[in-house]
Amino acid sequence: MKKKILRIFPFLYRVRVQQLILKRHIINLDPRVHYALSKKSKMFSHICKRHKSILRRVLGNSDPILQENKIINLRIALQHVNGIVINPGETFSFWKIIGKTTKNKGYIEGLMLSHGEVRVGIGGGLCQLANMLFWLALHTPLEIKERHHHSFDIFPDDRRVIPFGTGTSVFYNYVDLQFFNPTNFRFQFNLLLSDEYLEGTVCCDKELQFLYKVTERNHKFYQDESKWFRGNEIWRQEINREDDMIGREELIIVNHAEVKYMKSNN
């Protein structure tokens, strides 16, 4: 009901957004939370995980120029994130590091998802960066402090190489992505843009005792009345480097999303 009212009266939606932004600014003033803000240009020596995601994908009937705009937005955001270090006891916050995406900073219009629909907005496309950071963090002992996922499956898989549902949604500044470092180690994110990919690496200042493997279970499409849904479970395994034994495994995410495209029966 609340969402319907906000759609009927758009100005109420804008007021609500400003309220949430102000609330998050106040929360960020908590002196007990130490945010990761320092950067190192030299990459840490121990690599935990590498990954790359394709920059130009088939996204429904969207204008291809928005894909190019996204790359411009990513290039600006990477200047703030590349080399960021999360020291022991620190919290990484996506928006604390990047700040508000505005025209004055060089951001342009790109694709954004809102209320299960595709729209265009300044700074659109940064979800790909958030997705990369989340996937890398899952392969470390960093604790996921805040993460949001779209309740809709908007686009069919196009060259997907990681499990469905391991993405994340970000919207300045109250829909954030945050990791906490509970260890005595330092972690670092390194990111770059090649011609075709967003490439990312998460490193540690020392070699960890465990490797981390992320797997998918119980993936399925299912119908509820006239709507189709997609669901799965995302698990993280902690594997001992010395004997390859699984030390611990935990359920990270349970996904349940309405499918908004034509599902193939194949």
C-alpha atoms as a PDB file:
ATOM      1  CA  MET A   1       0.000   0.000   0.000  1.00  0.00           C
ATOM      2  CA  LYS A   2       2.818   2.429   0.905  1.00  0.00           C
ATOM      3  CA  LYS A   3       4.526   1.911  -2.464  1.00  0.00           C
ATOM      4  CA  LYS A   4       1.258   2.520  -4.334  1.00  0.00           C
ATOM      5  CA  ILE A   5       0.709   5.815  -2.500  1.00  0.00           C
ATOM      6  CA  LEU A   6       4.247   6.957  -3.295  1.00  0.00           C
ATOM      7  CA  ARG A   7       3.723   6.186  -6.977  1.00  0.00           C
ATOM      8  CA  ILE A   8       0.450   8.116  -7.088  1.00  0.00           C
ATOM      9  CA  PHE A   9       2.006  11.128  -5.326  1.00  0.00           C
ATOM     10  CA  PRO A  10       5.616  11.393  -6.607  1.00  0.00           C
ATOM     11  CA  PHE A  11       6.404  14.398  -4.424  1.00  0.00           C
ATOM     12  CA  LEU A  12       5.829  12.206  -1.351  1.00  0.00           C
ATOM     13  CA  TYR A  13       8.411   9.794  -2.707  1.00  0.00           C
ATOM     14  CA  ARG A  14      10.963  12.616  -3.045  1.00  0.00           C
ATOM     15  CA  VAL A  15      10.224  13.790   0.493  1.00  0.00           C
ATOM     16  CA  ARG A  16      10.624  10.247   1.802  1.00  0.00           C
ATOM     17  CA  VAL A  17      13.959   9.842  -0.001  1.00  0.00           C
ATOM     18  CA  GLN A  18      15.296  13.038   1.570  1.00  0.00           C
ATOM     19  CA  GLN A  19      14.175  11.812   4.990  1.00  0.00           C
ATOM     20  CA  LEU A  20      16.052   8.552   4.514  1.00  0.00           C
ATOM     21  CA  ILE A  21      19.170  10.336   3.280  1.00  0.00           C
ATOM     22  CA  LEU A  22      19.154  12.618   6.332  1.00  0.00           C
ATOM     23  CA  LYS A  23      18.612   9.637   8.631  1.00  0.00           C
ATOM     24  CA  ARG A  24      21.622   7.859   7.154  1.00  0.00           C
ATOM     25  CA  HIS A  25      23.774  10.976   7.534  1.00  0.00           C
ATOM     26  CA  ILE A  26      22.879  10.992  11.231  1.00  0.00           C
ATOM     27  CA  ILE A  27      23.619   7.276  11.595  1.00  0.00           C
ATOM     28  CA  ASN A  28      27.013   7.817   9.942  1.00  0.00           C
ATOM     29  CA  LEU A  29      27.956  10.215  12.741  1.00  0.00           C
ATOM     30  CA  ASP A  30      28.128   7.330  15.233  1.00  0.00           C
ATOM     31  CA  PRO A  31      31.652   7.653  16.729  1.00  0.00           C
ATOM     32  CA  ARG A  32      31.754   3.927  17.494  1.00  0.00           C
ATOM     33  CA  VAL A  33      31.918   3.082  13.776  1.00  0.00           C
ATOM     34  CA  HIS A  34      35.289   3.596  12.122  1.00  0.00           C
ATOM     35  CA  TYR A  35      34.964   3.787   8.341  1.00  0.00           C
ATOM     36  CA  ALA A  36      37.615   2.618   5.891  1.00  0.00           C
ATOM     37  CA  LEU A  37      38.963   5.736   4.149  1.00  0.00           C
ATOM     38  CA  SER A  38      42.692   5.112   3.636  1.00  0.00           C
ATOM     39  CA  LYS A  39      44.169   3.923   0.330  1.00  0.00           C
ATOM     40  CA  LYS A  40      47.387   2.247  -0.758  1.00  0.00           C
ATOM     41  CA  SER A  41      48.629   2.442  -4.333  1.00  0.00           C
ATOM     42  CA  LYS A  42      50.749  -0.699  -3.958  1.00  0.00           C
ATOM     43  CA  MET A  43      48.750  -3.919  -4.033  1.00  0.00           C
ATOM     44  CA  PHE A  44      48.956  -6.205  -0.991  1.00  0.00           C
ATOM     45  CA  SER A  45      50.930  -9.375  -1.681  1.00  0.00           C
ATOM     46  CA  HIS A  46      48.353 -12.088  -0.875  1.00  0.00           C
ATOM     47  CA  ILE A  47      45.450 -12.415  -3.308  1.00  0.00           C
ATOM     48  CA  CYS A  48      42.180 -13.765  -1.885  1.00  0.00           C
ATOM     49  CA  LYS A  49      40.071 -13.579  -5.049  1.00  0.00           C
ATOM     50  CA  ARG A  50      40.135 -12.219  -8.602  1.00  0.00           C
ATOM     51  CA  HIS A  51      37.065 -11.648 -10.755  1.00  0.00           C
ATOM     52  CA  LYS A  52      35.999  -9.802 -13.869  1.00  0.00           C
ATOM     53  CA  SER A  53      32.549  -8.872 -15.144  1.00  0.00           C
ATOM     54  CA  ILE A  54      31.656  -7.941 -18.696  1.00  0.00           C
ATOM     55  CA  LEU A  55      30.878  -4.278 -19.249  1.00  0.00           C
ATOM     56  CA  ARG A  56      28.432  -4.470 -22.146  1.00  0.00           C
ATOM     57  CA  ARG A  57      25.517  -6.866 -21.712  1.00  0.00           C
ATOM     58  CA  VAL A  58      22.181  -7.388 -23.405  1.00  0.00           C
ATOM     59  CA  LEU A  59      19.722  -5.680 -21.052  1.00  0.00           C
ATOM     60  CA  GLY A  60      16.248  -5.988 -22.531  1.00  0.00           C
ATOM     61  CA  ASN A  61      15.339  -3.116 -24.846  1.00  0.00           C
ATOM     62  CA  SER A  62      17.605  -0.589 -23.140  1.00  0.00           C
ATOM     63  CA  ASP A  63      19.516   1.979 -25.202  1.00  0.00           C
ATOM     64  CA  PRO A  64      23.106   0.713 -25.837  1.00  0.00           C
ATOM     65  CA  ILE A  65      24.452   4.235 -25.247  1.00  0.00           C
ATOM     66  CA  LEU A  66      23.507   3.820 -21.589  1.00  0.00           C
ATOM     67  CA  GLN A  67      26.030   0.989 -21.416  1.00  0.00           C
ATOM     68  CA  GLU A  68      28.725   3.397 -22.555  1.00  0.00           C
ATOM     69  CA  ASN A  69      27.514   5.987 -20.041  1.00  0.00           C
ATOM     70  CA  LYS A  70      27.786   3.353 -17.318  1.00  0.00           C
ATOM     71  CA  ILE A  71      31.443   2.844 -18.153  1.00  0.00           C
ATOM     72  CA  ILE A  72      32.079   6.582 -17.759  1.00  0.00           C
ATOM     73  CA  ASN A  73      30.368   6.490 -14.356  1.00  0.00           C
ATOM     74  CA  LEU A  74      32.371   3.440 -13.299  1.00  0.00           C
ATOM     75  CA  ARG A  75      35.620   5.121 -14.288  1.00  0.00           C
ATOM     76  CA  ILE A  76      34.840   8.078 -12.021  1.00  0.00           C
ATOM     77  CA  ALA A  77      33.785   5.887  -9.073  1.00  0.00           C
ATOM     78  CA  LEU A  78      36.868   3.669  -9.368  1.00  0.00           C
ATOM     79  CA  GLN A  79      39.083   6.668  -8.602  1.00  0.00           C
ATOM     80  CA  HIS A  80      37.625   6.627  -5.090  1.00  0.00           C
ATOM     81  CA  VAL A  81      37.479   2.869  -4.487  1.00  0.00           C
ATOM     82  CA  ASN A  82      40.620   1.507  -6.120  1.00  0.00           C
ATOM     83  CA  GLY A  83      43.253   0.742  -3.484  1.00  0.00           C
ATOM     84  CA  ILE A  84      40.926   1.224  -0.511  1.00  0.00           C
ATOM     85  CA  VAL A  85      42.166  -0.553   2.625  1.00  0.00           C
ATOM     86  CA  ILE A  86      39.939  -2.022   5.341  1.00  0.00           C
ATOM     87  CA  ASN A  87      41.962  -2.121   8.537  1.00  0.00           C
ATOM     88  CA  PRO A  88      41.029  -4.291  11.562  1.00  0.00           C
ATOM     89  CA  GLY A  89      37.858  -3.008  13.191  1.00  0.00           C
ATOM     90  CA  GLU A  90      36.946  -0.787  10.228  1.00  0.00           C
ATOM     91  CA  THR A  91      33.757  -0.751   8.162  1.00  0.00           C
ATOM     92  CA  PHE A  92      33.735  -0.336   4.400  1.00  0.00           C
ATOM     93  CA  SER A  93      30.796   1.774   3.188  1.00  0.00           C
ATOM     94  CA  PHE A  94      30.129   2.104  -0.553  1.00  0.00           C
ATOM     95  CA  TRP A  95      28.554   5.545  -0.284  1.00  0.00           C
ATOM     96  CA  LYS A  96      30.913   6.831   2.405  1.00  0.00           C
ATOM     97  CA  ILE A  97      33.741   6.378  -0.091  1.00  0.00           C
ATOM     98  CA  ILE A  98      32.052   7.375  -3.363  1.00  0.00           C
ATOM     99  CA  GLY A  99      29.758  10.137  -2.131  1.00  0.00           C
ATOM    100  CA  LYS A 100      26.778  11.493  -4.032  1.00  0.00           C
ATOM    101  CA  THR A 101      26.879  11.003  -7.804  1.00  0.00           C
ATOM    102  CA  THR A 102      26.268  14.416  -9.366  1.00  0.00           C
ATOM    103  CA  LYS A 103      26.732  16.126 -12.738  1.00  0.00           C
ATOM    104  CA  ASN A 104      29.332  18.409 -11.186  1.00  0.00           C
ATOM    105  CA  LYS A 105      31.510  15.367 -10.497  1.00  0.00           C
ATOM    106  CA  GLY A 106      31.193  14.220 -14.113  1.00  0.00           C
ATOM    107  CA  TYR A 107      28.549  11.528 -13.672  1.00  0.00           C
ATOM    108  CA  ILE A 108      26.030  11.127 -16.485  1.00  0.00           C
ATOM    109  CA  GLU A 109      22.787   9.230 -17.052  1.00  0.00           C
ATOM    110  CA  GLY A 110      22.863   5.444 -16.826  1.00  0.00           C
ATOM    111  CA  LEU A 111      20.547   2.545 -16.086  1.00  0.00           C
ATOM    112  CA  MET A 112      19.086   2.247 -12.596  1.00  0.00           C
ATOM    113  CA  LEU A 113      16.572  -0.130 -11.029  1.00  0.00           C
ATOM    114  CA  SER A 114      13.794   1.278  -8.849  1.00  0.00           C
ATOM    115  CA  HIS A 115      10.632  -0.460  -7.606  1.00  0.00           C
ATOM    116  CA  GLY A 116      11.338  -3.372  -9.954  1.00  0.00           C
ATOM    117  CA  GLU A 117      11.504  -1.157 -13.033  1.00  0.00           C
ATOM    118  CA  VAL A 118      14.358   0.046 -15.214  1.00  0.00           C
ATOM    119  CA  ARG A 119      14.842   3.795 -15.317  1.00  0.00           C
ATOM    120  CA  VAL A 120      17.533   6.322 -16.169  1.00  0.00           C
ATOM    121  CA  GLY A 121      19.354   8.422 -13.586  1.00  0.00           C
ATOM    122  CA  ILE A 122      22.587  10.337 -12.981  1.00  0.00           C
ATOM    123  CA  GLY A 123      25.307   7.929 -11.914  1.00  0.00           C
ATOM    124  CA  GLY A 124      23.385   4.880 -13.105  1.00  0.00           C
ATOM    125  CA  GLY A 125      25.334   1.659 -13.557  1.00  0.00           C
ATOM    126  CA  LEU A 126      27.273   1.661 -10.294  1.00  0.00           C
ATOM    127  CA  CYS A 127      25.444  -1.487  -9.217  1.00  0.00           C
ATOM    128  CA  GLN A 128      28.018  -3.362 -11.299  1.00  0.00           C
ATOM    129  CA  LEU A 129      30.761  -2.004  -9.064  1.00  0.00           C
ATOM    130  CA  ALA A 130      28.781  -2.889  -5.936  1.00  0.00           C
ATOM    131  CA  ASN A 131      28.208  -6.389  -7.333  1.00  0.00           C
ATOM    132  CA  MET A 132      31.942  -6.807  -7.880  1.00  0.00           C
ATOM    133  CA  LEU A 133      32.837  -5.645  -4.363  1.00  0.00           C
ATOM    134  CA  PHE A 134      30.231  -7.914  -2.781  1.00  0.00           C
ATOM    135  CA  TRP A 135      31.402 -10.980  -4.733  1.00  0.00           C
ATOM    136  CA  LEU A 136      35.023 -10.322  -3.793  1.00  0.00           C
ATOM    137  CA  ALA A 137      34.151  -9.755  -0.128  1.00  0.00           C
ATOM    138  CA  LEU A 138      32.329 -13.090   0.015  1.00  0.00           C
ATOM    139  CA  HIS A 139      35.714 -14.756  -0.586  1.00  0.00           C
ATOM    140  CA  THR A 140      37.219 -13.274   2.572  1.00  0.00           C
ATOM    141  CA  PRO A 141      36.392 -13.395   6.300  1.00  0.00           C
ATOM    142  CA  LEU A 142      34.907  -9.880   6.035  1.00  0.00           C
ATOM    143  CA  GLU A 143      31.438  -9.734   7.604  1.00  0.00           C
ATOM    144  CA  ILE A 144      28.580  -8.456   5.467  1.00  0.00           C
ATOM    145  CA  LYS A 145      27.167  -5.648   7.591  1.00  0.00           C
ATOM    146  CA  GLU A 146      24.646  -4.294   5.050  1.00  0.00           C
ATOM    147  CA  ARG A 147      23.568  -5.569   1.663  1.00  0.00           C
ATOM    148  CA  HIS A 148      20.375  -5.137  -0.357  1.00  0.00           C
ATOM    149  CA  HIS A 149      19.097  -7.164  -3.271  1.00  0.00           C
ATOM    150  CA  HIS A 150      16.423  -6.365  -5.846  1.00  0.00           C
ATOM    151  CA  SER A 151      13.173  -8.239  -5.239  1.00  0.00           C
ATOM    152  CA  PHE A 152      12.788  -8.640  -9.014  1.00  0.00           C
ATOM    153  CA  ASP A 153      14.799 -10.630 -11.549  1.00  0.00           C
ATOM    154  CA  ILE A 154      14.807  -7.991 -14.295  1.00  0.00           C
ATOM    155  CA  PHE A 155      17.127  -9.403 -16.979  1.00  0.00           C
ATOM    156  CA  PRO A 156      17.749 -12.956 -18.244  1.00  0.00           C
ATOM    157  CA  ASP A 157      21.225 -14.406 -17.771  1.00  0.00           C
ATOM    158  CA  ASP A 158      23.666 -13.049 -20.336  1.00  0.00           C
ATOM    159  CA  ARG A 159      27.093 -14.703 -20.028  1.00  0.00           C
ATOM    160  CA  ARG A 160      26.558 -15.148 -16.285  1.00  0.00           C
ATOM    161  CA  VAL A 161      29.550 -16.767 -14.574  1.00  0.00           C
ATOM    162  CA  ILE A 162      28.534 -16.405 -10.906  1.00  0.00           C
ATOM    163  CA  PRO A 163      25.357 -17.640  -9.184  1.00  0.00           C
ATOM    164  CA  PHE A 164      22.112 -15.740  -9.544  1.00  0.00           C
ATOM    165  CA  GLY A 165      21.348 -13.560  -6.547  1.00  0.00           C
ATOM    166  CA  THR A 166      24.916 -12.593  -5.645  1.00  0.00           C
ATOM    167  CA  GLY A 167      24.409  -9.016  -6.810  1.00  0.00           C
ATOM    168  CA  THR A 168      23.505  -6.044  -4.679  1.00  0.00           C
ATOM    169  CA  SER A 169      21.495  -2.858  -4.948  1.00  0.00           C
ATOM    170  CA  VAL A 170      22.813   0.583  -3.992  1.00  0.00           C
ATOM    171  CA  PHE A 171      21.019   3.933  -3.895  1.00  0.00           C
ATOM    172  CA  TYR A 172      22.519   7.064  -2.370  1.00  0.00           C
ATOM    173  CA  ASN A 173      22.997   6.942   0.505  1.00  0.00           C
ATOM    174  CA  TYR A 174      20.570   4.876   2.531  1.00  0.00           C
ATOM    175  CA  VAL A 175      20.712   1.714   0.403  1.00  0.00           C
ATOM    176  CA  ASP A 176      24.350   0.969   1.140  1.00  0.00           C
ATOM    177  CA  LEU A 177      26.831  -1.889   0.873  1.00  0.00           C
ATOM    178  CA  GLN A 178      28.938  -2.332   3.995  1.00  0.00           C
ATOM    179  CA  PHE A 179      31.574  -4.834   5.177  1.00  0.00           C
ATOM    180  CA  PHE A 180      33.154  -5.070   8.622  1.00  0.00           C
ATOM    181  CA  ASN A 181      36.660  -6.376   9.258  1.00  0.00           C
ATOM    182  CA  PRO A 182      36.586  -8.507  12.453  1.00  0.00           C
ATOM    183  CA  THR A 183      40.101  -9.889  11.907  1.00  0.00           C
ATOM    184  CA  ASN A 184      43.652  -8.754  12.662  1.00  0.00           C
ATOM    185  CA  PHE A 185      44.425  -8.604   8.938  1.00  0.00           C
ATOM    186  CA  ARG A 186      44.170  -5.743   6.459  1.00  0.00           C
ATOM    187  CA  PHE A 187      42.235  -6.166   3.225  1.00  0.00           C
ATOM    188  CA  GLN A 188      42.444  -4.140   0.038  1.00  0.00           C
ATOM    189  CA  PHE A 189      40.231  -3.798  -3.048  1.00  0.00           C
ATOM    190  CA  ASN A 190      41.912  -3.166  -6.395  1.00  0.00           C
ATOM    191  CA  LEU A 191      39.812  -2.440  -9.477  1.00  0.00           C
ATOM    192  CA  LEU A 192      40.362  -1.413 -13.079  1.00  0.00           C
ATOM    193  CA  LEU A 193      38.538  -1.106 -16.389  1.00  0.00           C
ATOM    194  CA  SER A 194      39.792  -2.908 -19.473  1.00  0.00           C
ATOM    195  CA  ASP A 195      38.177  -2.624 -22.915  1.00  0.00           C
ATOM    196  CA  GLU A 196      35.612  -5.334 -22.121  1.00  0.00           C
ATOM    197  CA  TYR A 197      35.613  -5.927 -18.377  1.00  0.00           C
ATOM    198  CA  LEU A 198      35.440  -4.474 -14.915  1.00  0.00           C
ATOM    199  CA  GLU A 199      38.282  -6.348 -13.198  1.00  0.00           C
ATOM    200  CA  GLY A 200      38.626  -6.674  -9.452  1.00  0.00           C
ATOM    201  CA  THR A 201      40.944  -8.192  -6.864  1.00  0.00           C
ATOM    202  CA  VAL A 202      40.698  -8.406  -3.096  1.00  0.00           C
ATOM    203  CA  CYS A 203      44.032  -8.852  -1.313  1.00  0.00           C
ATOM    204  CA  CYS A 204      45.291  -9.332   2.225  1.00  0.00           C
ATOM    205  CA  ASP A 205      48.502  -8.158   3.882  1.00  0.00           C
ATOM    206  CA  LYS A 206      49.138 -11.718   5.111  1.00  0.00           C
ATOM    207  CA  GLU A 207      48.274 -15.209   3.927  1.00  0.00           C
ATOM    208  CA  LEU A 208      45.018 -16.459   5.419  1.00  0.00           C
ATOM    209  CA  GLN A 209      44.619 -19.912   6.924  1.00  0.00           C
ATOM    210  CA  PHE A 210      41.436 -20.481   4.947  1.00  0.00           C
ATOM    211  CA  LEU A 211      40.211 -20.198   1.389  1.00  0.00           C
ATOM    212  CA  TYR A 212      36.588 -19.229   0.781  1.00  0.00           C
ATOM    213  CA  LYS A 213      34.327 -20.875  -1.769  1.00  0.00           C
ATOM    214  CA  VAL A 214      30.846 -19.578  -2.650  1.00  0.00           C
ATOM    215  CA  THR A 215      28.312 -22.062  -4.016  1.00  0.00           C
ATOM    216  CA  GLU A 216      24.682 -22.129  -5.085  1.00  0.00           C
ATOM    217  CA  ARG A 217      22.085 -24.646  -3.918  1.00  0.00           C
ATOM    218  CA  ASN A 218      18.435 -25.351  -4.670  1.00  0.00           C
ATOM    219  CA  HIS A 219      18.202 -23.087  -7.706  1.00  0.00           C
ATOM    220  CA  LYS A 220      14.749 -23.185  -9.300  1.00  0.00           C
ATOM    221  CA  PHE A 221      12.063 -21.301 -11.206  1.00  0.00           C
ATOM    222  CA  TYR A 222       8.592 -21.707  -9.748  1.00  0.00           C
ATOM    223  CA  GLN A 223       5.127 -20.336 -10.346  1.00  0.00           C
ATOM    224  CA  ASP A 224       2.785 -18.768  -7.819  1.00  0.00           C
ATOM    225  CA  GLU A 225      -0.612 -18.077  -9.331  1.00  0.00           C
ATOM    226  CA  SER A 226       0.102 -16.113 -12.538  1.00  0.00           C
ATOM    227  CA  LYS A 227       3.625 -14.989 -11.622  1.00  0.00           C
ATOM    228  CA  TRP A 228       6.971 -16.710 -12.057  1.00  0.00           C
ATOM    229  CA  PHE A 229       9.687 -16.522  -9.425  1.00  0.00           C
ATOM    230  CA  ARG A 230      13.318 -17.511  -9.206  1.00  0.00           C
ATOM    231  CA  GLY A 231      14.998 -18.688  -6.057  1.00  0.00           C
ATOM    232  CA  ASN A 232      18.192 -20.223  -4.697  1.00  0.00           C
ATOM    233  CA  GLU A 233      20.512 -20.351  -1.710  1.00  0.00           C
ATOM    234  CA  ILE A 234      24.037 -18.950  -1.559  1.00  0.00           C
ATOM    235  CA  TRP A 235      26.468 -20.744   0.769  1.00  0.00           C
ATOM    236  CA  ARG A 236      30.026 -19.878   1.786  1.00  0.00           C
ATOM    237  CA  GLN A 237      32.531 -22.580   2.676  1.00  0.00           C
ATOM    238  CA  GLU A 238      35.697 -22.064   4.685  1.00  0.00           C
ATOM    239  CA  ILE A 239      38.390 -24.439   3.376  1.00  0.00           C
ATOM    240  CA  ASN A 240      41.636 -25.126   5.233  1.00  0.00           C
ATOM    241  CA  ARG A 241      44.669 -24.428   3.025  1.00  0.00           C
ATOM    242  CA  GLU A 242      46.713 -27.258   4.535  1.00  0.00           C
ATOM    243  CA  ASP A 243      44.379 -30.218   4.009  1.00  0.00           C
ATOM    244  CA  ASP A 244      41.515 -28.841   1.827  1.00  0.00           C
ATOM    245  CA  MET A 245      39.032 -29.798   4.528  1.00  0.00           C
ATOM    246  CA  ILE A 246      35.880 -27.730   4.951  1.00  0.00           C
ATOM    247  CA  GLY A 247      36.145 -26.061   8.328  1.00  0.00           C
ATOM    248  CA  ARG A 248      32.831 -24.233   8.313  1.00  0.00           C
ATOM    249  CA  GLU A 249      30.009 -23.428   5.959  1.00  0.00           C
ATOM    250  CA  GLU A 250      27.234 -20.894   6.326  1.00  0.00           C
ATOM    251  CA  LEU A 251      24.088 -19.892   4.507  1.00  0.00           C
ATOM    252  CA  ILE A 252      24.655 -16.323   3.269  1.00  0.00           C
ATOM    253  CA  ILE A 253      21.576 -15.515   1.172  1.00  0.00           C
ATOM    254  CA  VAL A 254      18.145 -16.971   0.414  1.00  0.00           C
ATOM    255  CA  ASN A 255      16.851 -15.414  -2.817  1.00  0.00           C
ATOM    256  CA  HIS A 256      13.205 -15.080  -3.823  1.00  0.00           C
ATOM    257  CA  ALA A 257      12.626 -12.788  -6.816  1.00  0.00           C
ATOM    258  CA  GLU A 258       9.781 -12.243  -9.248  1.00  0.00           C
ATOM    259  CA  VAL A 259      10.854 -12.872 -12.842  1.00  0.00           C
ATOM    260  CA  LYS A 260      10.101  -9.863 -15.044  1.00  0.00           C
ATOM    261  CA  TYR A 261      11.097 -11.346 -18.409  1.00  0.00           C
ATOM    262  CA  MET A 262       9.870 -14.226 -20.567  1.00  0.00           C
ATOM    263  CA  LYS A 263      11.225 -17.450 -19.121  1.00  0.00           C
ATOM    264  CA  SER A 264      12.453 -20.077 -21.539  1.00  0.00           C
ATOM    265  CA  ASN A 265      11.273 -23.638 -21.019  1.00  0.00           C
ATOM    266  CA  ASN A 266      14.653 -24.972 -22.112  1.00  0.00           C
END
